[in-house]
Each structure stands twice: as C-alpha cells, then as structure tokens.
C-alpha cells in the first residue's frame, strides 16, 4: 500500500477475545500550517510548525482472506455521535459472517460515506472520524470535496519529498492551498450504482445523487431508469428489452429462456463465496476412495457419552484427527501447484448448513483436545456460526474437512475438496448391513461408508488407503477416543 507524505495508512487488526474487529484509520491529509516570525533578520531562519488535523478515514476491513468487498448491515452510531476507543461503530457483512467494527480512537463520527445496505471494496473509506466536535464540519466538507472530485484532488497533491536518513515521517510538508482546477466534475457513485446505470443504459452523470455528499446510489439509478426502486442492494432483473432486441440477442447467446413465472435470485455474499471456492476447486486434480467402517462399538460408546454432552460430530472429528496424526501427508496443503507443506496443526473443519449458505467451523488441534472439551468447543462454534459471529480464524484455518450427511439418512456421497486442503471426508449413515466374516459366516452389523476426496498432487492412492484403514481401526476400537 502506498504511503504519501500526507497520509499514513494501517491495516485492520482482528480482536480474538470478541466477535468484532477494530479498524485503524488514516490521518487526513488536511494540514494546517502555522508560521511564527521572530525579530531575527530574514537572512537567519524562519521556524515553521505544522499542526495535523485529526480527521481519520474508517476503512472497510478485510474480515476474511477471501473477502474483496463488504456490505454495511447497520451503523451502530449516528453522524455527530461521540465515540470512545473500543466502541462498536458499524456492523459489516462479509462472505462468511456479520462482525462489529470497533474504533481505535476517541472522537466523533463525522460523516457516513457508505450507507446501510450498500457495499464497498475492502480498504475503501466508509466513514470519517473527527477528533473534536469542532472538526466535524471540516470533515464533512473535506469528504464532500474529496468524493466529488477524487481525480482532481489527486492532481494537486505534491509528490512526497525524497527519502533521507532523517526519521521524521510524522511531520508532513504543508499541502499548498490550491483550488481545484475548473472543469467537468466527476460523478461519484457506488460500484453497484455504476453497474445498474450501465445495465439500464442510464447516463449516470445526469443523475442527482441522494447519498452521502451527493453520492449516486442504486436507488437513484433505478428511479432515473423508471423502475421501482429495490429496498435491498440486490439487483432486480432488467426490464424486458424491445422485441427486436430480444430477437437479436437470441441469435448471439445459447442461454435458454426463462420459464414462465420464474424469478431470478441473486447470490448472497456467502453463496458467492461458496461459488468462487467451488470453481477454484475445479482446477485441482482429485480422486476419491471409499471405505466401509463397522460402527457397533462407536454407537455403544456414543450412548455412554451422549448424556455428558458429547456429540457424534466430536467423536468423528477426534477419530479423524488421531488418524491424520499418523498420516500427515493427508493433512498437508498444496496452494501454488509447485510445492506442498506439512501443517503443524491438525485443524478439522466440519461443514455446517446455516440459513442461506454453508460454513465450516474449525476444531483446532482436534487430535490433542480432550473429547469432552472438543464437544463443548463444537457447540460454541455451531452457535456462533448460526448467529454469523464466527471469528475469521474459526472458519478459515482448517487443514482437513469433515462433511457428515449421515444424520440425514444419506448412505454415501462424494464431497468437493476445499481449496488449499489436501482431503475432505464424506461420512454416510450407519445402517444395519449383512456382512460375512473370513470363515463365510453371515451376521448383521452396523456399517457406514466414508468417501474421501483428495488432492492427487500430494496424496496418492496408497496414502489414502492407509489413512482410511487407520481411521476404521479407531472407529471399530474407540476406547482411545476417551483417553
């Protein structure tokens, strides 16, 4: 990230103790220059002091490694309201969770740049924070001028002075008070508004914005296009084009027409993230191996520990973790296609269906944690997942994934490998099955089928077969799970 002589940027830092995130903001480039003249002759020297105006930008934080933009769910504070360090200011929706954003500074919320329901790229300014109440109006004026003509404002910013050995970056050179050159003013609009304007062939420069500081919003574009404004940030389907346009388009596309009474449902942020990951998974060469596992002993153990709060998911995750400890290559990762790494921790991610999507909370150090502590941790993670309060490290640190559809009666299925992981296990339902022993005698045993999908660049068939044999032995003799 470039650092100019008049601004100092720092990235957002995550807090581990709470389900929120604190933002570090940039100091405004607005500089007041105060010159003190003495009675010493001009040929001597002039002492110059610069006083920095404490107006900071609130950035859209990166709440996950895959997040490129965020949506403002709600502003907890209103414009002009006083803030204390550590207070939550805004709720941001990422592709995985909703999180509170805290402030590192005392001050006042001077201006809201991105309103509720709107989106902004990671790193973009979503609000301004003034240090004192007297600077609120100055911050609003600055935000208005900056947002109305960003390209012109950049043109009058002087180049940073040459870097010297003197460690004094905190004192910036006073910016010249130069009026912005006259000329056509650039229309400021949200990215989504620009997309709508292009879609509906609306001249965005002719629209009077109703957003903060004259920002053109999606609603403004919809109004100008003569369509009913949408109350959400989701794009409505475009109006039907003229018949001639329909005929022309039909000759240039192979997409089938929509069925009568059908409706378009755009992806949510979480669904978009899942879609991106699934497409990325297609570039990985994978293979699948299935293995039957007798579960009579596991079912008996589960009945004993269930009253103590132990879940079947915790039992399976613990067994997988112990097997991975003996076969570390199945727990390895390949991210660049040129090398792979052995992970020092065994973090078992478990797929959980939530309203509107799918997320994989991570049981960290699943091979080492006590079974009862692992179950307690799992219940906490599921509660956070369903309330969209997971911390990033609680869903993006998995080294191996477990997907269990057996609870729904599914006897077997294949799972798609998450990007960056070596393998994923799909667990089917345990069902009574007629089996024959080595002497040819038949009996009925509870049996489940597990299918593992693996990255063939680092895991080979023999590796996966050996891992599954170890996993089966642990499940069929589960006393070690409670040790």
Protein backbone atom coordinates (compact mmCIF):
# COMPACT_ATOMS: atom_id res chain seq x y z
CA UNK A 1 0.00 0.00 0.00
CA UNK A 2 1.46 3.36 -1.00
CA UNK A 3 2.11 5.87 1.78
CA UNK A 4 2.23 9.53 0.81
CA UNK A 5 3.80 12.38 2.73
CA UNK A 6 0.41 13.44 3.98
CA UNK A 7 -1.30 10.20 4.91
CA UNK A 8 -0.39 7.20 6.97
CA UNK A 9 -2.38 4.04 6.44
CA UNK A 10 -2.52 0.90 8.54
CA UNK A 11 -4.47 -2.26 8.14
CA UNK A 12 -7.36 -3.51 10.24
CA UNK A 13 -6.47 -5.74 13.19
CA UNK A 14 -8.66 -8.55 14.44
CA UNK A 15 -9.54 -8.95 18.10
CA UNK A 16 -9.56 -12.52 19.33
CA UNK A 17 -11.49 -12.06 22.54
CA UNK A 18 -14.70 -10.78 20.99
CA UNK A 19 -16.68 -11.29 17.81
CA UNK A 20 -15.67 -7.96 16.39
CA UNK A 21 -12.89 -6.18 14.63
CA UNK A 22 -11.12 -2.89 15.26
CA UNK A 23 -10.21 -0.54 12.48
CA UNK A 24 -7.08 1.52 12.22
CA UNK A 25 -7.67 4.53 10.05
CA UNK A 26 -5.60 7.01 8.11
CA UNK A 27 -4.87 10.51 9.22
CA UNK A 28 -6.45 13.06 6.95
CA UNK A 29 -4.12 14.84 4.56
CA UNK A 30 -5.67 18.11 5.68
CA UNK A 31 -2.78 20.13 7.24
CA UNK A 32 -2.87 23.48 8.96
CA UNK A 33 0.42 25.37 8.61
CA UNK A 34 1.20 27.92 11.33
CA UNK A 35 4.22 30.18 10.77
CA UNK A 36 5.84 32.08 13.68
CA UNK A 37 8.03 35.01 12.68
CA UNK A 38 10.71 36.36 15.02
CA UNK A 39 12.60 39.62 15.17
CA UNK A 40 15.71 37.89 13.86
CA UNK A 41 16.61 39.16 10.39
CA UNK A 42 15.08 37.25 7.50
CA UNK A 43 18.51 36.05 6.47
CA UNK A 44 18.70 34.00 9.67
CA UNK A 45 15.88 31.47 9.67
CA UNK A 46 12.16 31.01 9.93
CA UNK A 47 10.67 28.45 12.29
CA UNK A 48 7.71 26.51 10.91
CA UNK A 49 5.32 24.34 12.93
CA UNK A 50 2.74 22.08 11.33
CA UNK A 51 -0.38 21.06 13.19
CA UNK A 52 -2.14 17.96 11.94
CA UNK A 53 -5.90 17.93 11.75
CA UNK A 54 -7.05 14.66 13.34
CA UNK A 55 -9.60 13.57 10.77
CA UNK A 56 -9.39 9.88 10.05
CA UNK A 57 -10.96 7.62 7.47
CA UNK A 58 -12.82 4.50 8.57
CA UNK A 59 -11.92 1.75 6.11
CA UNK A 60 -13.87 -1.30 5.01
CA UNK A 61 -11.94 -4.05 6.82
CA UNK A 62 -10.96 -7.43 5.40
CA UNK A 63 -12.85 -9.90 7.58
CA UNK A 64 -11.56 -12.97 5.76
CA UNK A 65 -8.84 -13.95 3.33
CA UNK A 66 -11.39 -14.32 0.52
CA UNK A 67 -13.27 -11.08 1.16
CA UNK A 68 -12.99 -8.45 -1.61
CA UNK A 69 -15.92 -6.26 -0.62
CA UNK A 70 -18.22 -5.88 2.34
CA UNK A 71 -21.81 -4.82 2.91
CA UNK A 72 -22.87 -2.36 5.60
CA UNK A 73 -25.52 -4.16 7.64
CA UNK A 74 -26.14 -1.26 10.02
CA UNK A 75 -24.44 1.75 11.55
CA UNK A 76 -24.50 1.41 15.33
CA UNK A 77 -23.55 5.07 15.74
CA UNK A 78 -25.06 8.09 14.01
CA UNK A 79 -23.36 11.11 12.47
CA UNK A 80 -22.16 13.54 15.11
CA UNK A 81 -22.26 10.94 17.89
CA UNK A 82 -19.30 10.76 20.25
CA UNK A 83 -17.19 7.60 20.18
CA UNK A 84 -14.93 6.05 22.77
CA UNK A 85 -11.97 3.83 21.97
CA UNK A 86 -13.12 0.21 21.69
CA UNK A 87 -16.77 1.03 20.96
CA UNK A 88 -18.57 -0.74 18.11
CA UNK A 89 -19.39 1.65 15.28
CA UNK A 90 -20.75 -0.38 12.37
CA UNK A 91 -21.81 -3.95 11.54
CA UNK A 92 -20.24 -5.30 8.35
CA UNK A 93 -21.33 -8.41 6.43
CA UNK A 94 -18.55 -10.37 4.77
CA UNK A 95 -18.79 -13.53 2.71
CA UNK A 96 -18.75 -15.56 5.94
CA UNK A 97 -20.15 -13.62 8.90
CA UNK A 98 -21.51 -10.38 10.32
CA UNK A 99 -18.99 -8.62 12.55
CA UNK A 100 -18.89 -5.47 14.65
CA UNK A 101 -16.20 -2.96 13.75
CA UNK A 102 -14.66 -1.07 16.65
CA UNK A 103 -12.68 2.18 16.75
CA UNK A 104 -9.11 2.53 17.95
CA UNK A 105 -9.66 6.22 18.70
CA UNK A 106 -11.82 8.57 20.73
CA UNK A 107 -13.68 11.14 18.67
CA UNK A 108 -16.87 11.82 16.74
CA UNK A 109 -18.44 10.01 13.81
CA UNK A 110 -18.27 12.99 11.47
CA UNK A 111 -19.70 11.50 8.28
CA UNK A 112 -21.10 8.25 6.95
CA UNK A 113 -19.83 7.70 3.41
CA UNK A 114 -21.35 4.25 2.70
CA UNK A 115 -24.92 3.83 3.90
CA UNK A 116 -26.73 0.80 5.25
CA UNK A 117 -27.33 -1.87 2.65
CA UNK A 118 -24.57 -0.56 0.38
CA UNK A 119 -21.33 -2.33 -0.43
CA UNK A 120 -17.75 -1.08 -0.66
CA UNK A 121 -14.43 -2.69 -1.63
CA UNK A 122 -12.03 -3.73 1.09
CA UNK A 123 -9.89 -0.72 2.02
CA UNK A 124 -12.40 1.87 0.79
CA UNK A 125 -13.45 4.68 3.13
CA UNK A 126 -16.88 4.05 4.64
CA UNK A 127 -16.90 6.93 7.12
CA UNK A 128 -14.91 9.77 8.68
CA UNK A 129 -13.86 10.16 12.31
CA UNK A 130 -13.11 13.61 13.75
CA UNK A 131 -11.06 14.04 16.89
CA UNK A 132 -13.02 17.02 18.20
CA UNK A 133 -16.57 18.26 17.76
CA UNK A 134 -15.26 21.44 16.16
CA UNK A 135 -13.75 19.44 13.31
CA UNK A 136 -16.98 17.67 12.32
CA UNK A 137 -17.97 20.30 9.76
CA UNK A 138 -14.44 20.40 8.41
CA UNK A 139 -14.54 16.62 7.99
CA UNK A 140 -17.89 16.79 6.17
CA UNK A 141 -16.58 19.49 3.85
CA UNK A 142 -13.44 17.50 3.18
CA UNK A 143 -15.42 14.34 2.49
CA UNK A 144 -17.73 16.17 0.10
CA UNK A 145 -14.87 17.72 -1.87
CA UNK A 146 -12.88 14.50 -1.88
CA UNK A 147 -15.78 12.35 -3.03
CA UNK A 148 -16.98 14.83 -5.65
CA UNK A 149 -13.66 15.10 -7.46
CA UNK A 150 -11.14 12.45 -6.46
CA UNK A 151 -9.15 12.64 -9.67
CA UNK A 152 -8.76 16.42 -9.49
CA UNK A 153 -7.79 16.24 -5.84
CA UNK A 154 -5.05 13.81 -6.67
CA UNK A 155 -3.70 16.16 -9.29
CA UNK A 156 -2.87 18.88 -6.74
CA UNK A 157 -1.24 16.61 -4.15
CA UNK A 158 2.51 17.25 -4.30
CA UNK A 159 4.96 14.41 -4.75
CA UNK A 160 6.45 13.14 -1.50
CA UNK A 161 9.88 14.55 -0.63
CA UNK A 162 12.93 12.39 -1.26
CA UNK A 163 13.59 9.80 1.44
CA UNK A 164 16.51 10.82 3.66
CA UNK A 165 18.19 9.32 6.68
CA UNK A 166 16.26 11.63 8.98
CA UNK A 167 13.50 9.56 10.67
CA UNK A 168 10.77 12.19 10.70
CA UNK A 169 7.81 10.86 8.68
CA UNK A 170 5.28 12.13 11.21
CA UNK A 171 5.74 15.78 10.15
CA UNK A 172 4.30 16.18 6.70
CA UNK A 173 5.04 19.04 4.38
CA UNK A 174 2.14 21.53 4.34
CA UNK A 175 -0.11 20.93 1.39
CA UNK A 176 -0.44 24.02 -0.80
CA UNK A 177 -3.85 25.64 -0.62
CA UNK A 178 -4.61 25.22 -4.28
CA UNK A 179 -8.09 25.45 -5.67
CA UNK A 180 -9.17 22.54 -7.75
CA UNK A 181 -8.95 23.38 -11.40
CA UNK A 182 -12.19 24.20 -13.10
CA UNK A 183 -13.51 21.51 -15.36
CA UNK A 184 -16.07 18.77 -15.57
CA UNK A 185 -16.73 17.27 -12.15
CA UNK A 186 -16.57 13.51 -11.86
CA UNK A 187 -19.80 11.90 -10.70
CA UNK A 188 -19.32 9.84 -7.56
CA UNK A 189 -21.41 6.71 -7.38
CA UNK A 190 -21.38 3.38 -5.62
CA UNK A 191 -19.95 0.47 -7.64
CA UNK A 192 -23.37 -1.13 -7.72
CA UNK A 193 -24.98 2.10 -8.96
CA UNK A 194 -22.47 2.23 -11.82
CA UNK A 195 -23.28 -1.35 -12.70
CA UNK A 196 -27.01 -0.61 -12.75
CA UNK A 197 -26.51 2.51 -14.84
CA UNK A 198 -24.59 0.53 -17.44
CA UNK A 199 -27.19 -2.24 -17.35
CA UNK A 200 -30.12 0.14 -17.87
CA UNK A 201 -28.20 2.47 -20.22
CA UNK A 202 -28.68 5.48 -17.95
CA UNK A 203 -26.30 8.44 -18.11
CA UNK A 204 -25.02 8.44 -14.54
CA UNK A 205 -23.63 11.94 -14.94
CA UNK A 206 -27.14 13.34 -15.29
CA UNK A 207 -28.38 11.83 -12.01
CA UNK A 208 -28.53 13.91 -8.83
CA UNK A 209 -27.28 11.67 -6.04
CA UNK A 210 -29.19 11.40 -2.80
CA UNK A 211 -26.50 9.50 -0.90
CA UNK A 212 -23.94 11.00 1.49
CA UNK A 213 -22.24 14.04 -0.06
CA UNK A 214 -24.19 13.69 -3.30
CA UNK A 215 -23.15 10.09 -3.91
CA UNK A 216 -25.29 8.37 -6.55
CA UNK A 217 -26.88 5.23 -5.11
CA UNK A 218 -28.55 2.22 -6.71
CA UNK A 219 -31.95 3.69 -5.81
CA UNK A 220 -31.12 6.90 -7.70
CA UNK A 221 -30.28 4.91 -10.82
CA UNK A 222 -33.42 2.80 -10.54
CA UNK A 223 -35.52 5.95 -10.21
CA UNK A 224 -33.86 7.52 -13.25
CA UNK A 225 -34.43 4.31 -15.22
CA UNK A 226 -38.15 4.44 -14.40
CA UNK A 227 -38.27 1.18 -12.49
CA UNK A 228 -39.49 0.51 -8.96
CA UNK A 229 -36.57 1.08 -6.56
CA UNK A 230 -35.41 -2.05 -4.76
CA UNK A 231 -35.23 -1.89 -0.99
CA UNK A 232 -32.19 -4.15 -0.92
CA UNK A 233 -28.82 -3.94 -2.60
CA UNK A 234 -29.71 -6.89 -4.80
CA UNK A 235 -30.13 -6.01 -8.43
CA UNK A 236 -33.64 -6.52 -9.82
CA UNK A 237 -33.95 -8.29 -13.14
CA UNK A 238 -33.58 -5.84 -16.02
CA UNK A 239 -36.74 -4.68 -17.77
CA UNK A 240 -37.66 -6.70 -20.86
CA UNK A 241 -35.99 -5.24 -23.96
CA UNK A 242 -37.92 -4.47 -27.14
CA UNK A 243 -38.97 -7.38 -29.31
CA UNK A 244 -36.31 -6.56 -31.91
CA UNK A 245 -33.62 -6.63 -29.25
CA UNK A 246 -34.89 -9.97 -27.97
CA UNK A 247 -34.63 -11.50 -31.44
CA UNK A 248 -31.16 -10.07 -31.94
CA UNK A 249 -29.99 -11.34 -28.54
CA UNK A 250 -31.42 -14.78 -29.17
CA UNK A 251 -29.07 -15.18 -32.12
CA UNK A 252 -25.98 -14.28 -30.09
CA UNK A 253 -26.47 -16.38 -26.97
CA UNK A 254 -27.04 -20.01 -26.20
CA UNK A 255 -28.68 -19.42 -22.83
CA UNK A 256 -32.16 -20.94 -22.58
CA UNK A 257 -35.03 -18.54 -21.97
CA UNK A 258 -36.53 -18.24 -18.51
CA UNK A 259 -39.54 -20.41 -17.83
CA UNK A 260 -42.88 -18.65 -17.31
CA UNK A 261 -43.37 -17.28 -13.80
CA UNK A 262 -39.71 -17.95 -12.95
CA UNK A 263 -37.71 -15.47 -10.90
CA UNK A 264 -34.02 -14.57 -10.63
CA UNK A 265 -32.49 -14.90 -7.17
CA UNK A 266 -29.02 -13.34 -7.00
CA UNK A 267 -26.42 -15.00 -4.76
CA UNK A 268 -25.93 -13.75 -1.24
CA UNK A 269 -22.40 -12.82 -0.17
CA UNK A 270 -21.96 -16.27 1.37
CA UNK A 271 -23.31 -18.07 -1.70
CA UNK A 272 -20.96 -16.03 -3.90
CA UNK A 273 -18.02 -17.09 -1.74
CA UNK A 274 -19.06 -20.75 -1.91
CA UNK A 275 -19.46 -20.47 -5.70
CA UNK A 276 -15.98 -18.95 -6.04
CA UNK A 277 -14.42 -21.70 -3.94
CA UNK A 278 -16.19 -24.45 -5.89
CA UNK A 279 -15.00 -23.04 -9.21
CA UNK A 280 -11.47 -22.79 -7.82
CA UNK A 281 -11.69 -26.45 -6.76
CA UNK A 282 -12.17 -27.49 -10.40
CA UNK A 283 -8.52 -26.66 -11.09
CA UNK A 284 -7.31 -29.27 -8.57
CA UNK A 285 -6.79 -32.89 -9.79
CA UNK A 286 -8.72 -35.00 -7.29
CA UNK A 287 -9.57 -38.66 -6.79
CA UNK A 288 -11.93 -40.47 -4.43
CA UNK A 289 -11.65 -43.57 -2.27
CA UNK A 290 -14.49 -45.19 -0.32
CA UNK A 291 -14.19 -47.44 2.72
CA UNK A 292 -16.78 -49.35 4.82
CA UNK A 293 -16.46 -48.97 8.60
CA UNK A 294 -18.22 -51.05 11.27
CA UNK A 295 -19.79 -48.75 13.86
CA UNK A 296 -21.22 -51.09 16.53
CA UNK A 297 -18.52 -50.17 19.05
CA UNK A 298 -18.75 -46.46 18.20
CA UNK A 299 -22.54 -46.49 18.59
CA UNK A 300 -22.19 -48.13 22.00
CA UNK A 301 -19.63 -45.54 23.10
CA UNK A 302 -21.85 -42.73 21.86
CA UNK A 303 -24.76 -43.94 24.00
CA UNK A 304 -22.48 -43.78 27.07
CA UNK A 305 -21.02 -40.32 26.47
CA UNK A 306 -24.07 -38.63 24.95
CA UNK A 307 -25.56 -37.74 28.37
CA UNK A 308 -22.29 -35.92 29.13
CA UNK A 309 -22.76 -33.63 26.14
CA UNK A 310 -20.59 -35.45 23.63
CA UNK A 311 -21.81 -35.27 20.03
CA UNK A 312 -21.25 -37.73 17.18
CA UNK A 313 -19.51 -34.92 15.27
CA UNK A 314 -16.95 -34.60 18.07
CA UNK A 315 -16.35 -38.37 18.03
CA UNK A 316 -15.79 -38.40 14.25
CA UNK A 317 -13.57 -35.29 14.34
CA UNK A 318 -11.48 -36.76 17.14
CA UNK A 319 -11.08 -40.05 15.26
CA UNK A 320 -10.14 -38.22 12.04
CA UNK A 321 -7.61 -36.09 13.94
CA UNK A 322 -5.96 -39.12 15.50
CA UNK A 323 -5.74 -40.85 12.11
CA UNK A 324 -4.28 -37.74 10.49
CA UNK A 325 -1.58 -37.62 13.15
CA UNK A 326 -0.36 -40.98 11.83
CA UNK A 327 -0.67 -39.95 8.16
CA UNK A 328 0.47 -36.29 7.98
CA UNK A 329 0.53 -36.21 4.16
CA UNK A 330 -3.30 -36.36 4.16
CA UNK A 331 -3.22 -33.24 6.36
CA UNK A 332 -0.84 -31.41 4.00
CA UNK A 333 -1.67 -28.47 1.72
CA UNK A 334 -0.76 -27.50 -1.84
CA UNK A 335 -1.60 -23.91 -2.78
CA UNK A 336 0.67 -22.95 -5.67
CA UNK A 337 0.90 -26.21 -7.64
CA UNK A 338 4.68 -26.21 -7.25
CA UNK A 339 5.16 -27.34 -3.66
CA UNK A 340 3.23 -28.56 -0.66
CA UNK A 341 3.55 -28.06 3.07
CA UNK A 342 3.02 -30.29 6.09
CA UNK A 343 0.74 -28.47 8.51
CA UNK A 344 1.99 -28.35 12.10
CA UNK A 345 -1.57 -28.43 13.48
CA UNK A 346 -4.44 -30.78 12.77
CA UNK A 347 -7.46 -28.49 12.43
CA UNK A 348 -10.60 -30.38 11.43
CA UNK A 349 -13.20 -28.20 9.71
CA UNK A 350 -16.77 -29.52 9.83
CA UNK A 351 -19.38 -28.44 7.28
CA UNK A 352 -22.47 -26.85 8.82
CA UNK A 353 -25.60 -25.84 6.90
CA UNK A 354 -26.91 -22.46 8.01
CA UNK A 355 -29.67 -20.24 6.72
CA UNK A 356 -28.69 -19.16 3.20
CA UNK A 357 -25.42 -21.00 2.89
CA UNK A 358 -22.71 -23.27 4.22
CA UNK A 359 -19.80 -22.63 6.58
CA UNK A 360 -17.06 -24.82 8.07
CA UNK A 361 -16.23 -24.03 11.73
CA UNK A 362 -12.82 -25.39 12.68
CA UNK A 363 -11.97 -27.64 15.62
CA UNK A 364 -8.35 -26.69 16.13
CA UNK A 365 -5.92 -29.35 17.40
CA UNK A 366 -8.64 -31.98 17.15
CA UNK A 367 -6.14 -34.77 17.75
CA UNK A 368 -4.95 -33.31 21.06
CA UNK A 369 -8.08 -31.93 22.71
CA UNK A 370 -9.96 -33.98 25.28
CA UNK A 371 -13.18 -35.43 23.82
CA UNK A 372 -15.42 -33.57 26.27
CA UNK A 373 -13.64 -30.26 25.70
CA UNK A 374 -13.84 -30.86 21.95
CA UNK A 375 -17.62 -31.36 22.20
CA UNK A 376 -18.02 -28.18 24.24
CA UNK A 377 -15.94 -26.25 21.72
CA UNK A 378 -18.05 -27.63 18.86
CA UNK A 379 -21.31 -26.48 20.44
CA UNK A 380 -19.87 -22.98 20.84
CA UNK A 381 -18.75 -22.90 17.21
CA UNK A 382 -22.15 -24.03 15.90
CA UNK A 383 -23.89 -21.33 17.95
CA UNK A 384 -21.55 -18.69 16.56
CA UNK A 385 -21.96 -20.00 13.01
CA UNK A 386 -25.76 -19.80 13.12
CA UNK A 387 -25.66 -16.27 14.53
CA UNK A 388 -22.94 -15.28 11.99
CA UNK A 389 -20.49 -14.35 14.74
CA UNK A 390 -17.54 -16.61 13.93
CA UNK A 391 -14.09 -15.05 14.06
CA UNK A 392 -12.07 -15.47 10.83
CA UNK A 393 -9.62 -17.89 12.45
CA UNK A 394 -12.57 -20.03 13.50
CA UNK A 395 -13.61 -20.82 9.91
CA UNK A 396 -10.59 -20.34 7.64
CA UNK A 397 -7.86 -22.29 9.46
CA UNK A 398 -8.95 -25.85 8.57
CA UNK A 399 -6.39 -28.34 7.29
CA UNK A 400 -8.85 -31.22 6.73
CA UNK A 401 -12.64 -31.15 6.32
CA UNK A 402 -15.38 -33.46 7.54
CA UNK A 403 -18.83 -33.46 5.94
CA UNK A 404 -21.50 -35.60 7.59
CA UNK A 405 -24.78 -36.19 5.77
CA UNK A 406 -25.33 -39.48 7.55
CA UNK A 407 -27.52 -37.65 10.08
CA UNK A 408 -29.98 -37.12 7.20
CA UNK A 409 -30.02 -40.81 6.25
CA UNK A 410 -27.70 -40.43 3.26
CA UNK A 411 -25.80 -43.70 2.93
CA UNK A 412 -22.93 -42.40 0.76
CA UNK A 413 -21.87 -39.32 -1.19
CA UNK A 414 -18.82 -37.50 -2.55
CA UNK A 415 -17.65 -34.12 -1.25
CA UNK A 416 -15.89 -31.35 -3.18
CA UNK A 417 -12.36 -30.59 -1.98
CA UNK A 418 -12.00 -27.12 -0.39
CA UNK A 419 -9.23 -25.03 -1.98
CA UNK A 420 -5.91 -25.25 -0.14
CA UNK A 421 -6.65 -28.51 1.68
CA UNK A 422 -5.34 -32.00 0.98
CA UNK A 423 -8.51 -34.02 1.63
CA UNK A 424 -12.16 -33.98 2.70
CA UNK A 425 -14.11 -36.89 4.21
CA UNK A 426 -17.78 -37.54 3.40
CA UNK A 427 -19.50 -39.60 6.12
CA UNK A 428 -22.62 -41.60 5.31
CA UNK A 429 -25.25 -43.03 7.64
CA UNK A 430 -24.65 -46.05 9.82
CA UNK A 431 -27.11 -48.78 8.81
CA UNK A 432 -27.62 -52.48 9.62
CA UNK A 433 -25.79 -54.46 6.95
CA UNK A 434 -25.38 -58.19 6.34
CA UNK A 435 -21.67 -58.97 6.30
CA UNK A 436 -19.66 -62.20 6.00
CA UNK A 437 -16.59 -62.94 8.10
CA UNK A 438 -13.42 -64.69 6.88
CA UNK A 439 -14.96 -68.09 7.58
CA UNK A 440 -18.03 -67.35 5.47
CA UNK A 441 -20.47 -66.90 8.35
CA UNK A 442 -23.03 -64.14 7.94
CA UNK A 443 -24.02 -61.62 10.56
CA UNK A 444 -25.70 -58.23 10.76
CA UNK A 445 -23.52 -55.26 11.77
CA UNK A 446 -23.99 -51.52 11.75
CA UNK A 447 -21.82 -50.14 8.99
CA UNK A 448 -21.19 -46.74 7.42
CA UNK A 449 -19.35 -45.84 4.24
CA UNK A 450 -16.87 -42.96 4.22
CA UNK A 451 -15.62 -41.46 0.96
CA UNK A 452 -12.52 -39.28 0.94
CA UNK A 453 -11.76 -36.82 -1.87
CA UNK A 454 -8.05 -35.93 -2.03
CA UNK A 455 -5.64 -33.71 -3.94
CA UNK A 456 -3.74 -36.16 -6.17
CA UNK A 457 -0.76 -33.81 -6.43
CA UNK A 458 0.25 -34.60 -2.84
CA UNK A 459 -1.88 -37.58 -1.73
CA UNK A 460 -1.71 -40.87 -3.62
CA UNK A 461 -3.97 -43.90 -3.54
CA UNK A 462 -1.80 -45.91 -1.14
CA UNK A 463 -1.60 -42.94 1.24
CA UNK A 464 -5.37 -42.57 1.33
CA UNK A 465 -5.98 -46.30 1.72
CA UNK A 466 -3.60 -46.45 4.68
CA UNK A 467 -5.27 -43.44 6.29
CA UNK A 468 -8.73 -44.98 5.90
CA UNK A 469 -7.55 -48.26 7.43
CA UNK A 470 -6.24 -46.36 10.47
CA UNK A 471 -9.48 -44.37 10.74
CA UNK A 472 -11.53 -47.58 10.58
CA UNK A 473 -9.47 -49.22 13.35
CA UNK A 474 -10.03 -46.20 15.61
CA UNK A 475 -13.78 -46.25 14.96
CA UNK A 476 -14.06 -50.02 15.47
CA UNK A 477 -11.99 -49.85 18.70
CA UNK A 478 -12.98 -46.40 20.02
CA UNK A 479 -11.66 -46.66 23.60
CA UNK A 480 -8.69 -44.47 22.62
CA UNK A 481 -11.09 -41.59 21.83
CA UNK A 482 -11.84 -41.06 25.53
CA UNK A 483 -8.22 -41.20 26.74
